[in-house]
Amino acid sequence: MTTATGAPASTLGAVEGRDEVRWLTPQENDAWVSLSWLLLKLPGAIDAQLQRDSGLSYFEYVVLASLSMAPGRHMHMSDLAEFANGSLSRLSNVAKRLETRGLLVRTPCPDNARITVATLTDAGMALVEQAAPGHVGAVRRYVFDALDADQVAQLDRIGRAVADRVEPGKSWPPR
């Protein structure tokens, strides 16, 4: 006996609710494998380009670019961690390195000393401006040059639909 995926039923073991699983169709499985490959490989390609061109990791670039777009070039660390999709601990470690390099400063929030505010420095802004053209070029080369206008619109709709399933009710970009 085999499952809908063709795997022998004996390889599944005793899994509660196994009969209720909606197995992927071959087309869905192919799409999932493609998406998984993209999720695994694209960040590394973007990271390599940023490291090579500006000495920043992808996460560091996202942190600095996020601050560059924020009003007054500053954000609460907790909001920045959410925006950059990193834990507060990871962001704190990265912010410490970026602060050592003079790219951002961290200060207590004037309204609540328990909150730390990250502010992009002029040197940080200059680095974002220097890194942005290469980053945009890599994004264009890896993603948008491979798609026509209809596919770009589909990608936007698909990304928003899936993001809403992952984090229901959250708007994009996070604020």
N, C-alpha and C. Protein backbone atom coordinates (compact mmCIF):
# COMPACT_ATOMS: atom_id res chain seq x y z
N MET A 1 0.84 -1.18 0.00
CA MET A 1 0.00 0.00 0.00
C MET A 1 0.89 1.25 0.00
N THR A 2 0.47 2.28 -0.74
CA THR A 2 1.24 3.52 -0.80
C THR A 2 0.35 4.69 -0.44
N THR A 3 1.00 5.82 -0.12
CA THR A 3 0.28 7.06 0.18
C THR A 3 0.03 7.80 -1.12
N ALA A 4 -0.62 8.94 -1.02
CA ALA A 4 -0.88 9.76 -2.21
C ALA A 4 0.42 10.25 -2.83
N THR A 5 1.49 10.30 -2.04
CA THR A 5 2.77 10.74 -2.58
C THR A 5 3.54 9.59 -3.20
N GLY A 6 3.00 8.38 -3.07
CA GLY A 6 3.68 7.21 -3.60
C GLY A 6 4.58 6.54 -2.59
N ALA A 7 4.74 7.13 -1.40
CA ALA A 7 5.59 6.53 -0.37
C ALA A 7 4.87 5.35 0.25
N PRO A 8 5.60 4.30 0.56
CA PRO A 8 4.94 3.16 1.22
C PRO A 8 4.33 3.61 2.54
N ALA A 9 3.11 3.15 2.80
CA ALA A 9 2.42 3.53 4.03
C ALA A 9 3.22 3.13 5.26
N SER A 10 3.97 2.06 5.17
CA SER A 10 4.74 1.59 6.32
C SER A 10 5.82 2.57 6.73
N THR A 11 6.24 3.46 5.83
CA THR A 11 7.29 4.43 6.18
C THR A 11 6.75 5.59 7.00
N LEU A 12 5.42 5.71 7.07
CA LEU A 12 4.84 6.82 7.82
C LEU A 12 4.75 6.55 9.30
N GLY A 13 4.78 5.28 9.70
CA GLY A 13 4.64 4.95 11.11
C GLY A 13 3.23 5.26 11.58
N ALA A 14 3.05 5.17 12.86
CA ALA A 14 1.73 5.43 13.45
C ALA A 14 1.61 6.91 13.74
N VAL A 15 1.00 7.64 12.83
CA VAL A 15 0.84 9.08 12.98
C VAL A 15 -0.64 9.38 13.15
N GLU A 16 -0.97 9.98 14.28
CA GLU A 16 -2.37 10.33 14.52
C GLU A 16 -2.84 11.32 13.46
N GLY A 17 -4.02 11.08 12.91
CA GLY A 17 -4.57 11.98 11.92
C GLY A 17 -4.03 11.78 10.52
N ARG A 18 -3.25 10.72 10.32
CA ARG A 18 -2.63 10.49 9.01
C ARG A 18 -3.68 10.43 7.91
N ASP A 19 -4.83 9.83 8.19
CA ASP A 19 -5.84 9.68 7.16
C ASP A 19 -6.45 11.02 6.75
N GLU A 20 -6.33 12.05 7.60
CA GLU A 20 -6.90 13.35 7.28
C GLU A 20 -5.94 14.25 6.50
N VAL A 21 -4.72 13.82 6.30
CA VAL A 21 -3.73 14.64 5.61
C VAL A 21 -4.15 14.84 4.16
N ARG A 22 -4.14 16.09 3.72
CA ARG A 22 -4.39 16.39 2.31
C ARG A 22 -3.04 16.41 1.62
N TRP A 23 -2.62 15.28 1.08
CA TRP A 23 -1.31 15.17 0.45
C TRP A 23 -1.22 16.10 -0.74
N LEU A 24 -0.02 16.55 -1.03
CA LEU A 24 0.20 17.44 -2.17
C LEU A 24 0.01 16.67 -3.47
N THR A 25 -0.60 17.34 -4.43
CA THR A 25 -0.70 16.76 -5.77
C THR A 25 0.69 16.83 -6.40
N PRO A 26 0.95 16.11 -7.47
CA PRO A 26 2.26 16.23 -8.13
C PRO A 26 2.58 17.68 -8.51
N GLN A 27 1.60 18.42 -9.01
CA GLN A 27 1.84 19.82 -9.38
C GLN A 27 2.15 20.67 -8.15
N GLU A 28 1.40 20.47 -7.06
CA GLU A 28 1.67 21.20 -5.82
C GLU A 28 3.05 20.84 -5.27
N ASN A 29 3.41 19.57 -5.34
CA ASN A 29 4.72 19.15 -4.85
C ASN A 29 5.84 19.80 -5.65
N ASP A 30 5.69 19.83 -6.98
CA ASP A 30 6.69 20.49 -7.82
C ASP A 30 6.81 21.98 -7.45
N ALA A 31 5.66 22.64 -7.25
CA ALA A 31 5.68 24.06 -6.88
C ALA A 31 6.33 24.25 -5.52
N TRP A 32 6.03 23.36 -4.57
CA TRP A 32 6.61 23.46 -3.23
C TRP A 32 8.13 23.26 -3.28
N VAL A 33 8.58 22.29 -4.05
CA VAL A 33 10.02 22.04 -4.17
C VAL A 33 10.70 23.27 -4.78
N SER A 34 10.09 23.86 -5.80
CA SER A 34 10.66 25.08 -6.41
C SER A 34 10.71 26.22 -5.40
N LEU A 35 9.63 26.42 -4.67
CA LEU A 35 9.60 27.48 -3.66
C LEU A 35 10.62 27.22 -2.56
N SER A 36 10.71 25.98 -2.11
CA SER A 36 11.69 25.63 -1.07
C SER A 36 13.10 25.92 -1.53
N TRP A 37 13.41 25.54 -2.77
CA TRP A 37 14.74 25.79 -3.31
C TRP A 37 15.00 27.30 -3.33
N LEU A 38 14.01 28.07 -3.78
CA LEU A 38 14.14 29.52 -3.82
C LEU A 38 14.37 30.10 -2.43
N LEU A 39 13.60 29.63 -1.44
CA LEU A 39 13.75 30.12 -0.07
C LEU A 39 15.11 29.78 0.52
N LEU A 40 15.69 28.69 0.09
CA LEU A 40 17.00 28.28 0.59
C LEU A 40 18.14 28.98 -0.14
N LYS A 41 18.03 29.16 -1.45
CA LYS A 41 19.15 29.64 -2.25
C LYS A 41 19.19 31.15 -2.47
N LEU A 42 18.04 31.79 -2.66
CA LEU A 42 18.04 33.23 -2.96
C LEU A 42 18.67 34.07 -1.85
N PRO A 43 18.32 33.86 -0.58
CA PRO A 43 18.96 34.69 0.46
C PRO A 43 20.49 34.56 0.45
N GLY A 44 21.01 33.38 0.19
CA GLY A 44 22.46 33.19 0.13
C GLY A 44 23.09 33.95 -1.02
N ALA A 45 22.42 33.97 -2.17
CA ALA A 45 22.93 34.70 -3.32
C ALA A 45 22.92 36.20 -3.05
N ILE A 46 21.85 36.69 -2.44
CA ILE A 46 21.77 38.11 -2.09
C ILE A 46 22.82 38.46 -1.04
N ASP A 47 22.97 37.59 -0.05
CA ASP A 47 23.96 37.79 1.01
C ASP A 47 25.37 37.87 0.42
N ALA A 48 25.70 36.96 -0.49
CA ALA A 48 27.04 36.94 -1.09
C ALA A 48 27.32 38.24 -1.85
N GLN A 49 26.33 38.73 -2.59
CA GLN A 49 26.51 39.98 -3.34
C GLN A 49 26.74 41.14 -2.37
N LEU A 50 25.95 41.22 -1.32
CA LEU A 50 26.10 42.31 -0.36
C LEU A 50 27.44 42.23 0.37
N GLN A 51 27.84 41.03 0.77
CA GLN A 51 29.15 40.87 1.44
C GLN A 51 30.27 41.32 0.51
N ARG A 52 30.21 40.88 -0.73
CA ARG A 52 31.25 41.20 -1.70
C ARG A 52 31.31 42.70 -1.98
N ASP A 53 30.16 43.33 -2.18
CA ASP A 53 30.12 44.72 -2.61
C ASP A 53 30.18 45.74 -1.47
N SER A 54 29.68 45.38 -0.27
CA SER A 54 29.60 46.39 0.78
C SER A 54 30.04 45.91 2.15
N GLY A 55 30.41 44.64 2.28
CA GLY A 55 30.83 44.12 3.57
C GLY A 55 29.70 43.94 4.56
N LEU A 56 28.46 43.90 4.07
CA LEU A 56 27.29 43.71 4.92
C LEU A 56 26.65 42.36 4.65
N SER A 57 26.12 41.75 5.69
CA SER A 57 25.28 40.57 5.48
C SER A 57 23.91 41.06 5.03
N TYR A 58 23.12 40.15 4.50
CA TYR A 58 21.75 40.51 4.08
C TYR A 58 20.96 41.05 5.27
N PHE A 59 21.08 40.39 6.43
CA PHE A 59 20.36 40.85 7.62
C PHE A 59 20.82 42.25 8.03
N GLU A 60 22.13 42.49 8.01
CA GLU A 60 22.64 43.82 8.35
C GLU A 60 22.10 44.88 7.39
N TYR A 61 22.07 44.53 6.10
CA TYR A 61 21.54 45.47 5.11
C TYR A 61 20.07 45.76 5.37
N VAL A 62 19.28 44.72 5.67
CA VAL A 62 17.86 44.91 5.95
C VAL A 62 17.69 45.83 7.16
N VAL A 63 18.50 45.65 8.19
CA VAL A 63 18.42 46.50 9.38
C VAL A 63 18.73 47.96 9.01
N LEU A 64 19.82 48.18 8.30
CA LEU A 64 20.20 49.54 7.94
C LEU A 64 19.21 50.16 6.96
N ALA A 65 18.78 49.40 5.97
CA ALA A 65 17.82 49.93 4.99
C ALA A 65 16.48 50.24 5.66
N SER A 66 16.07 49.41 6.61
CA SER A 66 14.83 49.67 7.34
C SER A 66 14.92 50.98 8.09
N LEU A 67 16.04 51.20 8.76
CA LEU A 67 16.24 52.47 9.48
C LEU A 67 16.27 53.65 8.50
N SER A 68 16.85 53.45 7.33
CA SER A 68 16.94 54.54 6.36
C SER A 68 15.57 54.99 5.87
N MET A 69 14.59 54.08 5.91
CA MET A 69 13.23 54.40 5.45
C MET A 69 12.31 54.86 6.58
N ALA A 70 12.76 54.70 7.81
CA ALA A 70 11.92 55.06 8.96
C ALA A 70 11.94 56.57 9.19
N PRO A 71 10.83 57.12 9.68
CA PRO A 71 10.82 58.55 10.01
C PRO A 71 11.94 58.88 11.00
N GLY A 72 12.72 59.89 10.67
CA GLY A 72 13.82 60.29 11.54
C GLY A 72 14.97 59.30 11.56
N ARG A 73 14.91 58.29 10.70
CA ARG A 73 15.93 57.22 10.61
C ARG A 73 16.11 56.49 11.93
N HIS A 74 15.02 56.35 12.70
CA HIS A 74 15.12 55.59 13.94
C HIS A 74 13.88 54.74 14.17
N MET A 75 14.07 53.64 14.90
CA MET A 75 12.99 52.71 15.24
C MET A 75 13.28 52.10 16.60
N HIS A 76 12.21 51.71 17.30
CA HIS A 76 12.39 50.90 18.51
C HIS A 76 13.01 49.58 18.08
N MET A 77 13.92 49.07 18.89
CA MET A 77 14.59 47.81 18.56
C MET A 77 13.59 46.67 18.36
N SER A 78 12.55 46.61 19.17
CA SER A 78 11.57 45.53 19.02
C SER A 78 10.84 45.62 17.69
N ASP A 79 10.51 46.84 17.25
CA ASP A 79 9.86 47.02 15.95
C ASP A 79 10.82 46.68 14.82
N LEU A 80 12.07 47.07 14.98
CA LEU A 80 13.09 46.77 13.97
C LEU A 80 13.31 45.27 13.86
N ALA A 81 13.33 44.57 14.98
CA ALA A 81 13.49 43.11 14.96
C ALA A 81 12.34 42.46 14.20
N GLU A 82 11.12 42.93 14.45
CA GLU A 82 9.96 42.38 13.74
C GLU A 82 10.05 42.69 12.25
N PHE A 83 10.39 43.92 11.92
CA PHE A 83 10.49 44.33 10.52
C PHE A 83 11.54 43.51 9.79
N ALA A 84 12.68 43.27 10.44
CA ALA A 84 13.79 42.53 9.82
C ALA A 84 13.62 41.01 9.95
N ASN A 85 12.55 40.58 10.61
CA ASN A 85 12.27 39.15 10.80
C ASN A 85 13.40 38.45 11.55
N GLY A 86 13.84 39.07 12.62
CA GLY A 86 14.87 38.48 13.46
C GLY A 86 14.47 38.57 14.92
N SER A 87 15.06 37.75 15.72
CA SER A 87 14.79 37.83 17.16
C SER A 87 15.43 39.10 17.72
N LEU A 88 14.94 39.55 18.84
CA LEU A 88 15.53 40.71 19.50
C LEU A 88 16.98 40.43 19.88
N SER A 89 17.26 39.20 20.29
CA SER A 89 18.62 38.80 20.64
C SER A 89 19.55 38.90 19.42
N ARG A 90 19.10 38.37 18.29
CA ARG A 90 19.92 38.44 17.07
C ARG A 90 20.14 39.89 16.67
N LEU A 91 19.07 40.68 16.69
CA LEU A 91 19.19 42.08 16.33
C LEU A 91 20.14 42.80 17.27
N SER A 92 20.07 42.53 18.56
CA SER A 92 20.96 43.18 19.53
C SER A 92 22.42 42.89 19.21
N ASN A 93 22.72 41.64 18.86
CA ASN A 93 24.10 41.28 18.50
C ASN A 93 24.54 41.99 17.24
N VAL A 94 23.68 42.03 16.23
CA VAL A 94 24.01 42.71 14.98
C VAL A 94 24.12 44.21 15.21
N ALA A 95 23.20 44.78 15.97
CA ALA A 95 23.24 46.22 16.25
C ALA A 95 24.53 46.61 16.97
N LYS A 96 24.99 45.75 17.86
CA LYS A 96 26.25 46.02 18.57
C LYS A 96 27.40 46.11 17.57
N ARG A 97 27.45 45.17 16.62
CA ARG A 97 28.51 45.20 15.58
C ARG A 97 28.38 46.45 14.71
N LEU A 98 27.15 46.77 14.30
CA LEU A 98 26.94 47.94 13.45
C LEU A 98 27.26 49.23 14.21
N GLU A 99 26.96 49.25 15.50
CA GLU A 99 27.27 50.41 16.33
C GLU A 99 28.79 50.58 16.45
N THR A 100 29.50 49.48 16.62
CA THR A 100 30.96 49.52 16.70
C THR A 100 31.56 50.09 15.41
N ARG A 101 30.90 49.82 14.29
CA ARG A 101 31.36 50.33 12.99
C ARG A 101 30.88 51.76 12.73
N GLY A 102 30.13 52.33 13.67
CA GLY A 102 29.65 53.71 13.52
C GLY A 102 28.47 53.85 12.56
N LEU A 103 27.74 52.76 12.31
CA LEU A 103 26.65 52.78 11.34
C LEU A 103 25.29 53.07 11.97
N LEU A 104 25.17 52.80 13.26
CA LEU A 104 23.95 53.14 14.00
C LEU A 104 24.33 53.40 15.44
N VAL A 105 23.42 54.05 16.15
CA VAL A 105 23.58 54.25 17.59
C VAL A 105 22.31 53.76 18.27
N ARG A 106 22.49 53.27 19.50
CA ARG A 106 21.35 52.82 20.31
C ARG A 106 21.27 53.71 21.53
N THR A 107 20.07 54.18 21.80
CA THR A 107 19.84 55.05 22.95
C THR A 107 18.53 54.65 23.63
N PRO A 108 18.41 54.96 24.92
CA PRO A 108 17.11 54.72 25.58
C PRO A 108 16.04 55.63 24.98
N CYS A 109 14.83 55.12 24.90
CA CYS A 109 13.69 55.91 24.42
C CYS A 109 13.41 57.01 25.44
N PRO A 110 13.24 58.26 25.00
CA PRO A 110 12.98 59.34 25.96
C PRO A 110 11.67 59.16 26.73
N ASP A 111 10.71 58.46 26.12
CA ASP A 111 9.40 58.26 26.77
C ASP A 111 9.36 57.04 27.68
N ASN A 112 10.26 56.09 27.45
CA ASN A 112 10.26 54.85 28.23
C ASN A 112 11.67 54.27 28.20
N ALA A 113 12.40 54.43 29.27
CA ALA A 113 13.81 54.01 29.33
C ALA A 113 14.00 52.51 29.15
N ARG A 114 12.92 51.73 29.27
CA ARG A 114 13.04 50.28 29.07
C ARG A 114 13.11 49.93 27.58
N ILE A 115 12.79 50.89 26.72
CA ILE A 115 12.81 50.67 25.27
C ILE A 115 14.08 51.27 24.71
N THR A 116 14.74 50.52 23.83
CA THR A 116 15.94 51.01 23.16
C THR A 116 15.58 51.42 21.74
N VAL A 117 16.12 52.56 21.33
CA VAL A 117 15.88 53.09 19.99
C VAL A 117 17.17 52.97 19.20
N ALA A 118 17.07 52.45 17.98
CA ALA A 118 18.21 52.39 17.06
C ALA A 118 18.06 53.54 16.07
N THR A 119 19.15 54.27 15.86
CA THR A 119 19.14 55.40 14.92
C THR A 119 20.28 55.22 13.93
N LEU A 120 19.95 55.36 12.66
CA LEU A 120 20.95 55.26 11.60
C LEU A 120 21.81 56.51 11.60
N THR A 121 23.12 56.34 11.58
CA THR A 121 24.04 57.47 11.53
C THR A 121 24.22 57.92 10.08
N ASP A 122 24.88 59.05 9.89
CA ASP A 122 25.19 59.51 8.53
C ASP A 122 26.07 58.49 7.81
N ALA A 123 27.01 57.89 8.55
CA ALA A 123 27.87 56.86 7.93
C ALA A 123 27.04 55.65 7.53
N GLY A 124 26.06 55.28 8.35
CA GLY A 124 25.17 54.17 8.01
C GLY A 124 24.35 54.48 6.78
N MET A 125 23.84 55.71 6.70
CA MET A 125 23.06 56.11 5.53
C MET A 125 23.92 56.09 4.28
N ALA A 126 25.15 56.56 4.41
CA ALA A 126 26.07 56.55 3.26
C ALA A 126 26.33 55.12 2.79
N LEU A 127 26.47 54.18 3.73
CA LEU A 127 26.71 52.79 3.35
C LEU A 127 25.47 52.19 2.67
N VAL A 128 24.28 52.50 3.18
CA VAL A 128 23.05 52.02 2.53
C VAL A 128 22.98 52.56 1.10
N GLU A 129 23.27 53.84 0.93
CA GLU A 129 23.23 54.44 -0.41
C GLU A 129 24.28 53.83 -1.32
N GLN A 130 25.44 53.46 -0.77
CA GLN A 130 26.49 52.82 -1.56
C GLN A 130 26.12 51.39 -1.92
N ALA A 131 25.47 50.68 -0.99
CA ALA A 131 25.13 49.27 -1.20
C ALA A 131 23.88 49.07 -2.05
N ALA A 132 22.97 50.02 -2.04
CA ALA A 132 21.66 49.85 -2.69
C ALA A 132 21.74 49.54 -4.18
N PRO A 133 22.56 50.23 -4.98
CA PRO A 133 22.57 49.91 -6.42
C PRO A 133 22.96 48.45 -6.72
N GLY A 134 23.96 47.93 -6.03
CA GLY A 134 24.35 46.54 -6.24
C GLY A 134 23.29 45.57 -5.77
N HIS A 135 22.65 45.91 -4.64
CA HIS A 135 21.58 45.06 -4.12
C HIS A 135 20.40 45.03 -5.09
N VAL A 136 19.98 46.19 -5.56
CA VAL A 136 18.87 46.25 -6.51
C VAL A 136 19.24 45.52 -7.80
N GLY A 137 20.49 45.66 -8.23
CA GLY A 137 20.94 44.93 -9.42
C GLY A 137 20.84 43.43 -9.25
N ALA A 138 21.23 42.94 -8.07
CA ALA A 138 21.15 41.50 -7.81
C ALA A 138 19.70 41.03 -7.76
N VAL A 139 18.84 41.81 -7.10
CA VAL A 139 17.41 41.46 -7.04
C VAL A 139 16.83 41.42 -8.45
N ARG A 140 17.17 42.40 -9.26
CA ARG A 140 16.68 42.42 -10.64
C ARG A 140 17.21 41.21 -11.41
N ARG A 141 18.49 40.94 -11.29
CA ARG A 141 19.11 39.84 -12.04
C ARG A 141 18.53 38.49 -11.62
N TYR A 142 18.41 38.25 -10.31
CA TYR A 142 17.96 36.95 -9.82
C TYR A 142 16.45 36.75 -9.92
N VAL A 143 15.68 37.83 -9.81
CA VAL A 143 14.22 37.68 -9.74
C VAL A 143 13.53 38.28 -10.95
N PHE A 144 13.59 39.59 -11.10
CA PHE A 144 12.72 40.26 -12.05
C PHE A 144 13.12 40.10 -13.51
N ASP A 145 14.39 39.91 -13.81
CA ASP A 145 14.78 39.67 -15.20
C ASP A 145 14.29 38.32 -15.70
N ALA A 146 13.93 37.42 -14.79
CA ALA A 146 13.44 36.09 -15.17
C ALA A 146 11.92 36.08 -15.37
N LEU A 147 11.25 37.20 -15.08
CA LEU A 147 9.78 37.24 -15.11
C LEU A 147 9.28 38.29 -16.08
N ASP A 148 8.09 38.03 -16.67
CA ASP A 148 7.42 39.07 -17.45
C ASP A 148 6.50 39.85 -16.51
N ALA A 149 5.86 40.89 -17.03
CA ALA A 149 5.03 41.77 -16.20
C ALA A 149 3.88 41.01 -15.52
N ASP A 150 3.26 40.07 -16.24
CA ASP A 150 2.18 39.29 -15.64
C ASP A 150 2.70 38.43 -14.50
N GLN A 151 3.88 37.85 -14.67
CA GLN A 151 4.45 37.02 -13.61
C GLN A 151 4.83 37.85 -12.39
N VAL A 152 5.29 39.08 -12.60
CA VAL A 152 5.60 39.96 -11.47
C VAL A 152 4.33 40.25 -10.69
N ALA A 153 3.23 40.54 -11.39
CA ALA A 153 1.96 40.79 -10.71
C ALA A 153 1.49 39.53 -9.97
N GLN A 154 1.67 38.36 -10.58
CA GLN A 154 1.32 37.10 -9.92
C GLN A 154 2.17 36.88 -8.68
N LEU A 155 3.47 37.16 -8.80
CA LEU A 155 4.37 36.99 -7.66
C LEU A 155 3.94 37.87 -6.50
N ASP A 156 3.55 39.10 -6.79
CA ASP A 156 3.08 40.00 -5.75
C ASP A 156 1.83 39.44 -5.08
N ARG A 157 0.86 39.01 -5.87
CA ARG A 157 -0.38 38.46 -5.30
C ARG A 157 -0.10 37.18 -4.50
N ILE A 158 0.74 36.32 -5.04
CA ILE A 158 1.07 35.07 -4.35
C ILE A 158 1.79 35.36 -3.04
N GLY A 159 2.77 36.25 -3.09
CA GLY A 159 3.51 36.60 -1.88
C GLY A 159 2.61 37.14 -0.79
N ARG A 160 1.69 38.03 -1.16
CA ARG A 160 0.77 38.60 -0.18
C ARG A 160 -0.19 37.55 0.37
N ALA A 161 -0.68 36.67 -0.50
CA ALA A 161 -1.62 35.62 -0.06
C ALA A 161 -0.96 34.67 0.93
N VAL A 162 0.27 34.25 0.61
CA VAL A 162 0.99 33.33 1.50
C VAL A 162 1.38 34.04 2.79
N ALA A 163 1.85 35.28 2.68
CA ALA A 163 2.23 36.05 3.88
C ALA A 163 1.04 36.20 4.81
N ASP A 164 -0.15 36.38 4.25
CA ASP A 164 -1.34 36.52 5.09
C ASP A 164 -1.68 35.22 5.81
N ARG A 165 -1.30 34.08 5.23
CA ARG A 165 -1.50 32.79 5.90
C ARG A 165 -0.47 32.59 7.00
N VAL A 166 0.75 33.07 6.75
CA VAL A 166 1.82 32.91 7.74
C VAL A 166 1.59 33.83 8.93
N GLU A 167 1.22 35.07 8.65
CA GLU A 167 0.94 36.06 9.70
C GLU A 167 -0.37 36.77 9.39
N PRO A 168 -1.49 36.13 9.70
CA PRO A 168 -2.80 36.71 9.38
C PRO A 168 -2.98 38.10 9.98
N GLY A 169 -3.51 38.98 9.15
CA GLY A 169 -3.84 40.32 9.62
C GLY A 169 -2.68 41.30 9.64
N LYS A 170 -1.46 40.84 9.38
CA LYS A 170 -0.32 41.76 9.36
C LYS A 170 -0.27 42.43 7.99
N SER A 171 -0.04 43.72 7.99
CA SER A 171 0.09 44.42 6.72
C SER A 171 1.53 44.34 6.25
N TRP A 172 1.72 44.55 4.98
CA TRP A 172 3.07 44.59 4.43
C TRP A 172 3.26 45.94 3.79
N PRO A 173 4.36 46.60 4.01
CA PRO A 173 5.40 46.16 4.94
C PRO A 173 4.96 46.35 6.38
N PRO A 174 5.59 45.60 7.30
CA PRO A 174 5.24 45.76 8.71
C PRO A 174 5.54 47.18 9.16
N ARG A 175 4.74 47.69 10.06
CA ARG A 175 4.95 49.06 10.55
C ARG A 175 5.18 49.04 12.04
